[in-house]
Every structure is written in C-alpha cells, then in structure tokens.
C-alpha cells in the first residue's frame, strides 16, 4: 500500500481529522506530534483495509457493531497476519489498535452529542447507543479474537530472539568511563 494513498485517506476522512485534532489538543511536545501522525496513518491504513472488505466509504461507517468481524479482519491484514503460521508481521499494531478504536468510538459519541458530524441516522440516542456498543465489543471481544494471538506471537518471538552479549571492548570502555567519572 503506497504511503500517499494512506496519507490522502487519513487527511480526507472527517472522523480521522477530528481524532487528530483531539490528540493534538492533548499533545505537549514534538514527539507527541510524531505519535499523532502515526496514529492518523494507522487509521488511514485501517480505513483502506476496510474498503477492500466491503462498502465502507468513511471511518464512521466502519464503527457499526455488525462490522466488528470485518474490523478484526482488516486489523489482521494491517498487521500482516499469516493464518497458516499463526504469526503477525506487526504484533504490537494488532494489540494496540483496539485502544485506537475505543478512543475513536468515544470521540464519535462526543461528536454526536455536540452535533458536529453528519450521520446516517439522525436519532442521537440511537447513534450514541450504536457507537457505545462498538466500544463495548472491542473491550470485551478484541482480546479473544485478536489480542491473545498477537500477544502469544510477540512473546514467542521475544523468547526465541537471541540475546546479544556485550563485546569485550564494550566492557572495557564501560569500565574506563566509570573510572574517569569517579
């Protein structure tokens, strides 16, 4: 997936833009801005994956309870899940994207109550129920559907990763620096 399509998708979606604005209001430094940019790109990538799976023109349309299975599938695709090997290319993305979806669901409810986004159903009470249900689904089912697989893969990869020992020169340098510091 090309970077410019991800960026264009993220910038062009009203809910992702509100999400970015909401994060920007709480950011305090340049590192937060980098984190904000990454989060918005993740949302853009997610939306592109959802568009491949069905008729989802915008982020708001992906936040329906009946789209939960597609959300899991899209996140697996984003995380480069290999069903045959049961491994991920990006386990941490599969783990933390649930938090992003919960934040977006909360933000959506806030925007509905403030009447800042156009909706497919004008009934405010019904909309807040729908998006609140999505958050509850993510909270209760994400770990069972995706999180446990990703965590298991992450733990397995870290356990089998070779531990590098310091080179003799590094130890000598450390000792030298400590002596000079004293």
N, C-alpha and C. Protein backbone atom coordinates (compact mmCIF):
# COMPACT_ATOMS: atom_id res chain seq x y z
N UNK A 1 0.86 -1.18 0.00
CA UNK A 1 0.00 0.00 0.00
C UNK A 1 0.90 1.24 0.00
N UNK A 2 0.66 2.12 -0.92
CA UNK A 2 1.52 3.29 -1.03
C UNK A 2 1.22 4.32 0.05
N UNK A 3 2.28 4.96 0.51
CA UNK A 3 2.16 5.94 1.59
C UNK A 3 1.25 7.09 1.24
N UNK A 4 1.31 7.54 -0.01
CA UNK A 4 0.49 8.71 -0.35
C UNK A 4 -1.00 8.40 -0.29
N UNK A 5 -1.40 7.15 -0.60
CA UNK A 5 -2.81 6.78 -0.50
C UNK A 5 -3.25 6.71 0.96
N UNK A 6 -2.37 6.22 1.81
CA UNK A 6 -2.69 6.16 3.24
C UNK A 6 -2.87 7.57 3.79
N UNK A 7 -1.92 8.44 3.47
CA UNK A 7 -1.98 9.82 3.95
C UNK A 7 -3.21 10.53 3.41
N UNK A 8 -3.48 10.36 2.12
CA UNK A 8 -4.64 11.01 1.50
C UNK A 8 -5.94 10.53 2.13
N UNK A 9 -6.02 9.25 2.42
CA UNK A 9 -7.21 8.68 3.06
C UNK A 9 -7.39 9.25 4.46
N UNK A 10 -6.30 9.31 5.23
CA UNK A 10 -6.37 9.82 6.60
C UNK A 10 -6.77 11.29 6.61
N UNK A 11 -6.18 12.08 5.75
CA UNK A 11 -6.47 13.52 5.71
C UNK A 11 -7.90 13.78 5.23
N UNK A 12 -8.38 12.94 4.32
CA UNK A 12 -9.68 13.17 3.71
C UNK A 12 -10.88 12.71 4.52
N UNK A 13 -10.66 12.01 5.62
CA UNK A 13 -11.77 11.49 6.40
C UNK A 13 -12.07 12.41 7.58
N UNK A 14 -13.32 12.83 7.72
CA UNK A 14 -13.68 13.79 8.75
C UNK A 14 -13.46 13.25 10.17
N UNK A 15 -13.78 11.98 10.40
CA UNK A 15 -13.62 11.42 11.74
C UNK A 15 -12.14 11.27 12.11
N UNK A 16 -11.32 10.86 11.15
CA UNK A 16 -9.88 10.77 11.41
C UNK A 16 -9.31 12.15 11.67
N UNK A 17 -9.81 13.15 10.95
CA UNK A 17 -9.36 14.53 11.18
C UNK A 17 -9.74 15.00 12.58
N UNK A 18 -10.97 14.69 13.01
CA UNK A 18 -11.38 15.03 14.38
C UNK A 18 -10.53 14.29 15.41
N UNK A 19 -10.20 13.03 15.12
CA UNK A 19 -9.35 12.24 16.01
C UNK A 19 -7.97 12.90 16.12
N UNK A 20 -7.42 13.32 15.00
CA UNK A 20 -6.14 14.01 15.01
C UNK A 20 -6.20 15.31 15.80
N UNK A 21 -7.28 16.05 15.60
CA UNK A 21 -7.45 17.32 16.32
C UNK A 21 -7.57 17.07 17.83
N UNK A 22 -8.30 16.03 18.18
CA UNK A 22 -8.47 15.69 19.59
C UNK A 22 -7.12 15.31 20.22
N UNK A 23 -6.33 14.54 19.50
CA UNK A 23 -4.99 14.17 20.00
C UNK A 23 -4.08 15.39 20.06
N UNK A 24 -4.19 16.28 19.08
CA UNK A 24 -3.37 17.48 19.04
C UNK A 24 -3.64 18.38 20.24
N UNK A 25 -4.90 18.43 20.66
CA UNK A 25 -5.27 19.26 21.81
C UNK A 25 -4.62 18.77 23.10
N UNK A 26 -4.27 17.48 23.15
CA UNK A 26 -3.65 16.94 24.36
C UNK A 26 -2.14 16.77 24.22
N UNK A 27 -1.58 17.03 23.04
CA UNK A 27 -0.13 16.83 22.86
C UNK A 27 0.65 18.00 23.45
N UNK A 28 1.84 17.69 23.92
CA UNK A 28 2.62 18.70 24.61
C UNK A 28 3.99 18.96 23.97
N UNK A 29 4.46 18.04 23.12
CA UNK A 29 5.79 18.22 22.56
C UNK A 29 5.88 17.67 21.14
N UNK A 30 7.06 17.78 20.54
CA UNK A 30 7.25 17.33 19.16
C UNK A 30 7.10 15.82 19.03
N UNK A 31 7.49 15.08 20.06
CA UNK A 31 7.36 13.62 20.00
C UNK A 31 5.88 13.23 19.93
N UNK A 32 5.04 13.98 20.60
CA UNK A 32 3.60 13.72 20.55
C UNK A 32 3.07 13.93 19.14
N UNK A 33 3.63 14.90 18.43
CA UNK A 33 3.20 15.15 17.06
C UNK A 33 3.56 13.99 16.15
N UNK A 34 4.72 13.39 16.38
CA UNK A 34 5.13 12.21 15.62
C UNK A 34 4.16 11.06 15.90
N UNK A 35 3.81 10.87 17.16
CA UNK A 35 2.86 9.84 17.57
C UNK A 35 1.49 10.10 16.93
N UNK A 36 1.06 11.34 16.93
CA UNK A 36 -0.20 11.73 16.31
C UNK A 36 -0.21 11.38 14.83
N UNK A 37 0.86 11.71 14.14
CA UNK A 37 0.97 11.40 12.72
C UNK A 37 0.86 9.90 12.47
N UNK A 38 1.54 9.11 13.29
CA UNK A 38 1.48 7.65 13.15
C UNK A 38 0.07 7.12 13.39
N UNK A 39 -0.60 7.66 14.40
CA UNK A 39 -1.96 7.21 14.71
C UNK A 39 -2.92 7.51 13.56
N UNK A 40 -2.78 8.70 12.99
CA UNK A 40 -3.66 9.06 11.88
C UNK A 40 -3.37 8.18 10.66
N UNK A 41 -2.12 7.86 10.43
CA UNK A 41 -1.76 6.96 9.33
C UNK A 41 -2.30 5.56 9.57
N UNK A 42 -2.24 5.08 10.81
CA UNK A 42 -2.81 3.78 11.14
C UNK A 42 -4.31 3.77 10.83
N UNK A 43 -4.98 4.85 11.18
CA UNK A 43 -6.42 4.95 10.91
C UNK A 43 -6.68 4.96 9.40
N UNK A 44 -5.84 5.67 8.67
CA UNK A 44 -5.96 5.69 7.20
C UNK A 44 -5.75 4.31 6.61
N UNK A 45 -4.76 3.59 7.12
CA UNK A 45 -4.48 2.23 6.65
C UNK A 45 -5.65 1.31 6.99
N UNK A 46 -6.20 1.47 8.18
CA UNK A 46 -7.36 0.67 8.61
C UNK A 46 -8.55 0.93 7.68
N UNK A 47 -8.81 2.19 7.39
CA UNK A 47 -9.93 2.53 6.51
C UNK A 47 -9.73 1.94 5.12
N UNK A 48 -8.53 2.00 4.59
CA UNK A 48 -8.26 1.39 3.28
C UNK A 48 -8.48 -0.12 3.31
N UNK A 49 -8.07 -0.76 4.39
CA UNK A 49 -8.30 -2.22 4.52
C UNK A 49 -9.79 -2.51 4.61
N UNK A 50 -10.54 -1.70 5.35
CA UNK A 50 -11.99 -1.89 5.47
C UNK A 50 -12.66 -1.69 4.11
N UNK A 51 -12.19 -0.73 3.33
CA UNK A 51 -12.76 -0.50 2.00
C UNK A 51 -12.57 -1.71 1.10
N UNK A 52 -11.46 -2.42 1.27
CA UNK A 52 -11.22 -3.64 0.49
C UNK A 52 -12.20 -4.75 0.87
N UNK A 53 -12.69 -4.72 2.11
CA UNK A 53 -13.55 -5.78 2.62
C UNK A 53 -15.04 -5.53 2.42
N UNK A 54 -15.41 -4.32 2.07
CA UNK A 54 -16.83 -4.03 1.91
C UNK A 54 -17.08 -2.58 1.56
N UNK A 55 -18.33 -2.20 1.66
CA UNK A 55 -18.73 -0.84 1.31
C UNK A 55 -18.61 0.06 2.54
N UNK A 56 -17.40 0.58 2.75
CA UNK A 56 -17.13 1.46 3.88
C UNK A 56 -16.50 2.75 3.33
N UNK A 57 -17.33 3.74 3.03
CA UNK A 57 -16.79 4.96 2.42
C UNK A 57 -15.98 5.84 3.37
N UNK A 58 -16.24 5.71 4.68
CA UNK A 58 -15.53 6.55 5.65
C UNK A 58 -15.36 5.81 6.98
N UNK A 59 -14.59 6.41 7.86
CA UNK A 59 -14.30 5.78 9.15
C UNK A 59 -15.57 5.57 9.97
N UNK A 60 -16.47 6.52 9.91
CA UNK A 60 -17.72 6.43 10.66
C UNK A 60 -18.49 5.16 10.30
N UNK A 61 -18.52 4.81 9.03
CA UNK A 61 -19.27 3.63 8.58
C UNK A 61 -18.63 2.32 9.05
N UNK A 62 -17.38 2.35 9.48
CA UNK A 62 -16.71 1.13 9.96
C UNK A 62 -17.01 0.86 11.43
N UNK A 63 -17.62 1.81 12.10
CA UNK A 63 -17.85 1.71 13.55
C UNK A 63 -19.24 1.22 13.92
N UNK A 64 -19.76 0.29 13.14
CA UNK A 64 -21.06 -0.31 13.45
C UNK A 64 -20.83 -1.69 14.06
N UNK A 65 -21.68 -2.10 14.98
CA UNK A 65 -21.49 -3.41 15.60
C UNK A 65 -21.43 -4.56 14.59
N UNK A 66 -22.21 -4.48 13.51
CA UNK A 66 -22.19 -5.57 12.54
C UNK A 66 -20.93 -5.57 11.67
N UNK A 67 -20.07 -4.58 11.83
CA UNK A 67 -18.80 -4.53 11.09
C UNK A 67 -17.62 -5.02 11.94
N UNK A 68 -17.92 -5.52 13.13
CA UNK A 68 -16.84 -5.91 14.04
C UNK A 68 -15.94 -7.01 13.45
N UNK A 69 -16.55 -8.02 12.84
CA UNK A 69 -15.75 -9.10 12.25
C UNK A 69 -14.85 -8.57 11.13
N UNK A 70 -15.36 -7.63 10.36
CA UNK A 70 -14.55 -7.01 9.30
C UNK A 70 -13.43 -6.18 9.91
N UNK A 71 -13.69 -5.55 11.05
CA UNK A 71 -12.66 -4.77 11.73
C UNK A 71 -11.52 -5.67 12.18
N UNK A 72 -11.85 -6.84 12.69
CA UNK A 72 -10.83 -7.82 13.09
C UNK A 72 -10.02 -8.23 11.87
N UNK A 73 -10.72 -8.55 10.79
CA UNK A 73 -10.05 -8.97 9.56
C UNK A 73 -9.15 -7.87 8.99
N UNK A 74 -9.64 -6.64 8.99
CA UNK A 74 -8.85 -5.51 8.50
C UNK A 74 -7.60 -5.30 9.34
N UNK A 75 -7.74 -5.44 10.66
CA UNK A 75 -6.59 -5.28 11.55
C UNK A 75 -5.59 -6.41 11.34
N UNK A 76 -6.07 -7.61 11.12
CA UNK A 76 -5.17 -8.71 10.79
C UNK A 76 -4.39 -8.40 9.51
N UNK A 77 -5.08 -7.88 8.52
CA UNK A 77 -4.42 -7.52 7.26
C UNK A 77 -3.38 -6.43 7.49
N UNK A 78 -3.73 -5.42 8.27
CA UNK A 78 -2.78 -4.34 8.58
C UNK A 78 -1.55 -4.87 9.30
N UNK A 79 -1.76 -5.85 10.17
CA UNK A 79 -0.69 -6.40 11.00
C UNK A 79 0.06 -7.53 10.29
N UNK A 80 -0.29 -7.76 9.04
CA UNK A 80 0.34 -8.81 8.22
C UNK A 80 0.25 -10.18 8.91
N UNK A 81 -0.97 -10.56 9.25
CA UNK A 81 -1.22 -11.85 9.90
C UNK A 81 -1.14 -12.97 8.88
N UNK A 82 -0.40 -14.02 9.22
CA UNK A 82 -0.29 -15.21 8.39
C UNK A 82 -1.09 -16.31 9.08
N UNK A 83 -2.27 -16.63 8.53
CA UNK A 83 -3.17 -17.59 9.16
C UNK A 83 -2.57 -18.99 9.20
N UNK A 84 -1.78 -19.34 8.20
CA UNK A 84 -1.17 -20.67 8.15
C UNK A 84 -0.16 -20.87 9.28
N UNK A 85 0.69 -19.87 9.49
CA UNK A 85 1.71 -19.95 10.54
C UNK A 85 1.22 -19.40 11.88
N UNK A 86 0.08 -18.70 11.83
CA UNK A 86 -0.48 -18.04 13.02
C UNK A 86 0.51 -17.04 13.62
N UNK A 87 1.12 -16.24 12.74
CA UNK A 87 2.08 -15.22 13.17
C UNK A 87 1.71 -13.88 12.56
N UNK A 88 2.23 -12.83 13.17
CA UNK A 88 2.00 -11.46 12.72
C UNK A 88 3.31 -10.85 12.26
N UNK A 89 3.21 -9.91 11.33
CA UNK A 89 4.37 -9.12 10.95
C UNK A 89 4.52 -7.94 11.90
N UNK A 90 3.40 -7.48 12.46
CA UNK A 90 3.40 -6.34 13.38
C UNK A 90 2.42 -6.63 14.52
N UNK A 91 2.88 -7.45 15.47
CA UNK A 91 2.01 -7.87 16.58
C UNK A 91 1.52 -6.71 17.41
N UNK A 92 2.40 -5.75 17.65
CA UNK A 92 2.02 -4.63 18.53
C UNK A 92 0.89 -3.80 17.92
N UNK A 93 0.85 -3.71 16.61
CA UNK A 93 -0.25 -2.98 15.95
C UNK A 93 -1.57 -3.68 16.24
N UNK A 94 -1.60 -4.99 16.13
CA UNK A 94 -2.83 -5.75 16.42
C UNK A 94 -3.25 -5.57 17.87
N UNK A 95 -2.27 -5.46 18.76
CA UNK A 95 -2.58 -5.28 20.18
C UNK A 95 -3.12 -3.89 20.49
N UNK A 96 -2.43 -2.86 20.00
CA UNK A 96 -2.82 -1.50 20.43
C UNK A 96 -3.88 -0.85 19.56
N UNK A 97 -4.23 -1.43 18.42
CA UNK A 97 -5.24 -0.79 17.58
C UNK A 97 -6.62 -0.83 18.26
N UNK A 98 -6.81 -1.76 19.16
CA UNK A 98 -8.08 -1.79 19.92
C UNK A 98 -8.25 -0.50 20.71
N UNK A 99 -7.17 -0.01 21.29
CA UNK A 99 -7.22 1.24 22.05
C UNK A 99 -7.61 2.39 21.14
N UNK A 100 -7.06 2.41 19.94
CA UNK A 100 -7.38 3.46 18.98
C UNK A 100 -8.86 3.40 18.62
N UNK A 101 -9.38 2.20 18.37
CA UNK A 101 -10.81 2.08 18.04
C UNK A 101 -11.70 2.52 19.19
N UNK A 102 -11.30 2.21 20.42
CA UNK A 102 -12.09 2.66 21.58
C UNK A 102 -12.08 4.18 21.69
N UNK A 103 -10.91 4.79 21.47
CA UNK A 103 -10.83 6.25 21.53
C UNK A 103 -11.68 6.89 20.43
N UNK A 104 -11.66 6.31 19.25
CA UNK A 104 -12.45 6.85 18.15
C UNK A 104 -13.95 6.68 18.44
N UNK A 105 -14.32 5.56 19.04
CA UNK A 105 -15.74 5.35 19.41
C UNK A 105 -16.19 6.38 20.44
N UNK A 106 -15.34 6.63 21.44
CA UNK A 106 -15.66 7.66 22.44
C UNK A 106 -15.77 9.03 21.79
N UNK A 107 -14.84 9.33 20.91
CA UNK A 107 -14.85 10.62 20.21
C UNK A 107 -16.11 10.75 19.36
N UNK A 108 -16.52 9.67 18.73
CA UNK A 108 -17.72 9.70 17.89
C UNK A 108 -18.95 10.02 18.72
N UNK A 109 -19.06 9.40 19.88
CA UNK A 109 -20.19 9.69 20.77
C UNK A 109 -20.18 11.17 21.17
N UNK A 110 -18.98 11.68 21.50
CA UNK A 110 -18.86 13.10 21.87
C UNK A 110 -19.29 13.99 20.70
N UNK A 111 -18.87 13.66 19.50
CA UNK A 111 -19.22 14.47 18.33
C UNK A 111 -20.72 14.38 18.01
N UNK A 112 -21.31 13.22 18.25
CA UNK A 112 -22.76 13.07 18.04
C UNK A 112 -23.51 13.97 19.01
N UNK A 113 -23.11 13.91 20.26
CA UNK A 113 -23.80 14.72 21.28
C UNK A 113 -23.65 16.21 21.01
N UNK A 114 -22.53 16.60 20.43
CA UNK A 114 -22.31 18.01 20.09
C UNK A 114 -22.79 18.36 18.68
N UNK A 115 -23.34 17.34 17.99
CA UNK A 115 -23.89 17.51 16.63
C UNK A 115 -22.87 18.09 15.66
N UNK A 116 -21.67 17.51 15.66
CA UNK A 116 -20.60 18.00 14.79
C UNK A 116 -20.33 17.12 13.58
N UNK A 117 -20.98 15.96 13.50
CA UNK A 117 -20.74 15.09 12.34
C UNK A 117 -22.07 14.68 11.72
N UNK A 118 -22.10 14.58 10.39
CA UNK A 118 -23.32 14.11 9.72
C UNK A 118 -23.48 12.61 9.94
N UNK A 119 -24.70 12.17 10.17
CA UNK A 119 -24.92 10.77 10.50
C UNK A 119 -25.95 10.13 9.59
N UNK A 120 -25.85 8.80 9.52
CA UNK A 120 -26.80 8.04 8.71
C UNK A 120 -28.15 7.93 9.41
N UNK A 121 -28.20 8.06 10.71
CA UNK A 121 -29.44 8.06 11.49
C UNK A 121 -29.42 9.33 12.34
N UNK A 122 -30.46 10.12 12.26
CA UNK A 122 -30.48 11.40 12.97
C UNK A 122 -30.83 11.27 14.44
N UNK A 123 -31.25 10.10 14.88
CA UNK A 123 -31.63 9.88 16.27
C UNK A 123 -30.37 9.82 17.14
N UNK A 124 -30.13 10.88 17.91
CA UNK A 124 -28.92 11.00 18.73
C UNK A 124 -28.79 9.85 19.72
N UNK A 125 -29.90 9.50 20.37
CA UNK A 125 -29.86 8.43 21.36
C UNK A 125 -29.48 7.10 20.72
N UNK A 126 -30.04 6.82 19.55
CA UNK A 126 -29.74 5.57 18.85
C UNK A 126 -28.27 5.55 18.41
N UNK A 127 -27.77 6.67 17.92
CA UNK A 127 -26.37 6.75 17.48
C UNK A 127 -25.40 6.56 18.63
N UNK A 128 -25.67 7.20 19.76
CA UNK A 128 -24.77 7.03 20.90
C UNK A 128 -24.78 5.58 21.38
N UNK A 129 -25.94 4.93 21.29
CA UNK A 129 -26.02 3.51 21.65
C UNK A 129 -25.18 2.66 20.69
N UNK A 130 -25.30 2.93 19.39
CA UNK A 130 -24.56 2.16 18.37
C UNK A 130 -23.05 2.27 18.61
N UNK A 131 -22.55 3.48 18.74
CA UNK A 131 -21.11 3.66 18.88
C UNK A 131 -20.60 3.26 20.27
N UNK A 132 -21.45 3.35 21.27
CA UNK A 132 -21.10 2.83 22.58
C UNK A 132 -21.01 1.31 22.57
N UNK A 133 -21.89 0.67 21.77
CA UNK A 133 -21.87 -0.78 21.62
C UNK A 133 -20.58 -1.24 20.94
N UNK A 134 -20.12 -0.48 19.97
CA UNK A 134 -18.86 -0.81 19.29
C UNK A 134 -17.72 -0.81 20.29
N UNK A 135 -17.67 0.19 21.14
CA UNK A 135 -16.62 0.26 22.15
C UNK A 135 -16.69 -0.95 23.09
N UNK A 136 -17.91 -1.31 23.51
CA UNK A 136 -18.06 -2.47 24.40
C UNK A 136 -17.63 -3.76 23.71
N UNK A 137 -17.93 -3.88 22.42
CA UNK A 137 -17.50 -5.06 21.66
C UNK A 137 -15.97 -5.14 21.62
N UNK A 138 -15.33 -4.03 21.35
CA UNK A 138 -13.87 -4.00 21.30
C UNK A 138 -13.30 -4.36 22.67
N UNK A 139 -13.85 -3.79 23.72
CA UNK A 139 -13.37 -4.06 25.08
C UNK A 139 -13.52 -5.53 25.46
N UNK A 140 -14.64 -6.13 25.09
CA UNK A 140 -14.91 -7.50 25.55
C UNK A 140 -14.41 -8.59 24.60
N UNK A 141 -14.32 -8.30 23.31
CA UNK A 141 -14.02 -9.36 22.35
C UNK A 141 -12.66 -9.27 21.66
N UNK A 142 -12.04 -8.09 21.66
CA UNK A 142 -10.80 -7.91 20.90
C UNK A 142 -9.71 -8.88 21.35
N UNK A 143 -9.55 -9.02 22.64
CA UNK A 143 -8.51 -9.90 23.16
C UNK A 143 -8.77 -11.35 22.74
N UNK A 144 -10.01 -11.78 22.80
CA UNK A 144 -10.35 -13.15 22.41
C UNK A 144 -10.13 -13.38 20.92
N UNK A 145 -10.52 -12.41 20.12
CA UNK A 145 -10.47 -12.56 18.66
C UNK A 145 -9.08 -12.34 18.08
N UNK A 146 -8.32 -11.41 18.66
CA UNK A 146 -7.08 -10.99 18.02
C UNK A 146 -5.93 -10.76 19.00
N UNK A 147 -6.21 -10.12 20.09
CA UNK A 147 -5.17 -9.73 21.03
C UNK A 147 -4.36 -10.88 21.58
N UNK A 148 -5.03 -11.98 21.96
CA UNK A 148 -4.31 -13.11 22.54
C UNK A 148 -3.37 -13.75 21.52
N UNK A 149 -3.82 -13.83 20.25
CA UNK A 149 -2.95 -14.35 19.20
C UNK A 149 -1.71 -13.48 19.02
N UNK A 150 -1.93 -12.18 18.99
CA UNK A 150 -0.82 -11.24 18.78
C UNK A 150 0.15 -11.28 19.97
N UNK A 151 -0.38 -11.32 21.18
CA UNK A 151 0.47 -11.35 22.37
C UNK A 151 1.27 -12.65 22.42
N UNK A 152 0.64 -13.75 22.09
CA UNK A 152 1.33 -15.05 22.07
C UNK A 152 2.47 -15.02 21.06
N UNK A 153 2.21 -14.48 19.88
CA UNK A 153 3.25 -14.38 18.85
C UNK A 153 4.38 -13.45 19.29
N UNK A 154 4.03 -12.34 19.89
CA UNK A 154 5.04 -11.39 20.37
C UNK A 154 5.93 -12.03 21.44
N UNK A 155 5.31 -12.73 22.39
CA UNK A 155 6.08 -13.40 23.44
C UNK A 155 6.97 -14.50 22.88
N UNK A 156 6.45 -15.25 21.92
CA UNK A 156 7.23 -16.33 21.32
C UNK A 156 8.43 -15.78 20.56
N UNK A 157 8.23 -14.69 19.84
CA UNK A 157 9.33 -14.08 19.09
C UNK A 157 10.40 -13.52 20.02
N UNK A 158 9.96 -12.91 21.12
CA UNK A 158 10.95 -12.34 22.04
C UNK A 158 11.69 -13.44 22.79
N UNK A 159 11.03 -14.58 23.03
CA UNK A 159 11.69 -15.68 23.73
C UNK A 159 12.73 -16.37 22.85
N UNK A 160 12.47 -16.42 21.56
CA UNK A 160 13.40 -17.10 20.64
C UNK A 160 14.45 -16.16 20.05
N UNK A 161 14.31 -14.89 20.31
CA UNK A 161 15.28 -13.92 19.79
C UNK A 161 16.59 -14.08 20.56
N UNK A 162 17.71 -14.19 19.84
CA UNK A 162 18.98 -14.38 20.54
C UNK A 162 19.35 -13.15 21.36
N UNK A 163 19.87 -13.40 22.54
CA UNK A 163 20.31 -12.31 23.40
C UNK A 163 21.78 -12.03 23.11
N UNK A 164 22.07 -10.81 22.74
CA UNK A 164 23.43 -10.43 22.39
C UNK A 164 24.21 -10.03 23.64
N UNK A 165 25.38 -10.61 23.78
CA UNK A 165 26.25 -10.27 24.90
C UNK A 165 27.19 -9.15 24.47
N UNK A 166 27.59 -8.31 25.41
CA UNK A 166 28.49 -7.21 25.03
C UNK A 166 29.87 -7.73 24.63
N UNK A 167 30.48 -7.02 23.71
CA UNK A 167 31.82 -7.35 23.25
C UNK A 167 32.82 -6.90 24.33
N UNK A 168 33.95 -7.56 24.38
CA UNK A 168 34.98 -7.25 25.39
C UNK A 168 35.35 -5.78 25.37
N UNK A 169 35.44 -5.21 24.17
CA UNK A 169 35.80 -3.79 24.04
C UNK A 169 34.74 -2.89 24.68
N UNK A 170 33.48 -3.30 24.58
CA UNK A 170 32.40 -2.52 25.19
C UNK A 170 32.52 -2.52 26.72
N UNK A 171 32.87 -3.67 27.27
CA UNK A 171 33.02 -3.78 28.73
C UNK A 171 34.21 -2.94 29.18
N UNK A 172 35.30 -3.01 28.43
CA UNK A 172 36.50 -2.21 28.77
C UNK A 172 36.15 -0.72 28.71
N UNK A 173 35.42 -0.30 27.69
CA UNK A 173 35.04 1.10 27.53
C UNK A 173 34.15 1.53 28.70
N UNK A 174 33.18 0.68 29.09
CA UNK A 174 32.29 1.00 30.20
C UNK A 174 33.10 1.18 31.49
N UNK A 175 34.01 0.26 31.74
CA UNK A 175 34.86 0.35 32.93
C UNK A 175 35.71 1.62 32.91
N UNK A 176 36.24 1.95 31.75
CA UNK A 176 37.08 3.14 31.60
C UNK A 176 36.25 4.40 31.91
N UNK A 177 35.04 4.46 31.35
CA UNK A 177 34.18 5.63 31.56
C UNK A 177 33.81 5.76 33.03
N UNK A 178 33.50 4.65 33.68
CA UNK A 178 33.16 4.68 35.10
C UNK A 178 34.35 5.16 35.93
N UNK A 179 35.55 4.73 35.60
CA UNK A 179 36.77 5.17 36.32
C UNK A 179 37.02 6.64 36.13
N UNK A 180 36.86 7.13 34.91
CA UNK A 180 37.06 8.55 34.63
C UNK A 180 36.00 9.37 35.36
N UNK A 181 34.77 8.88 35.40
CA UNK A 181 33.70 9.60 36.07
C UNK A 181 33.94 9.71 37.57
N UNK A 182 34.53 8.69 38.15
CA UNK A 182 34.83 8.74 39.58
C UNK A 182 35.90 9.76 39.85
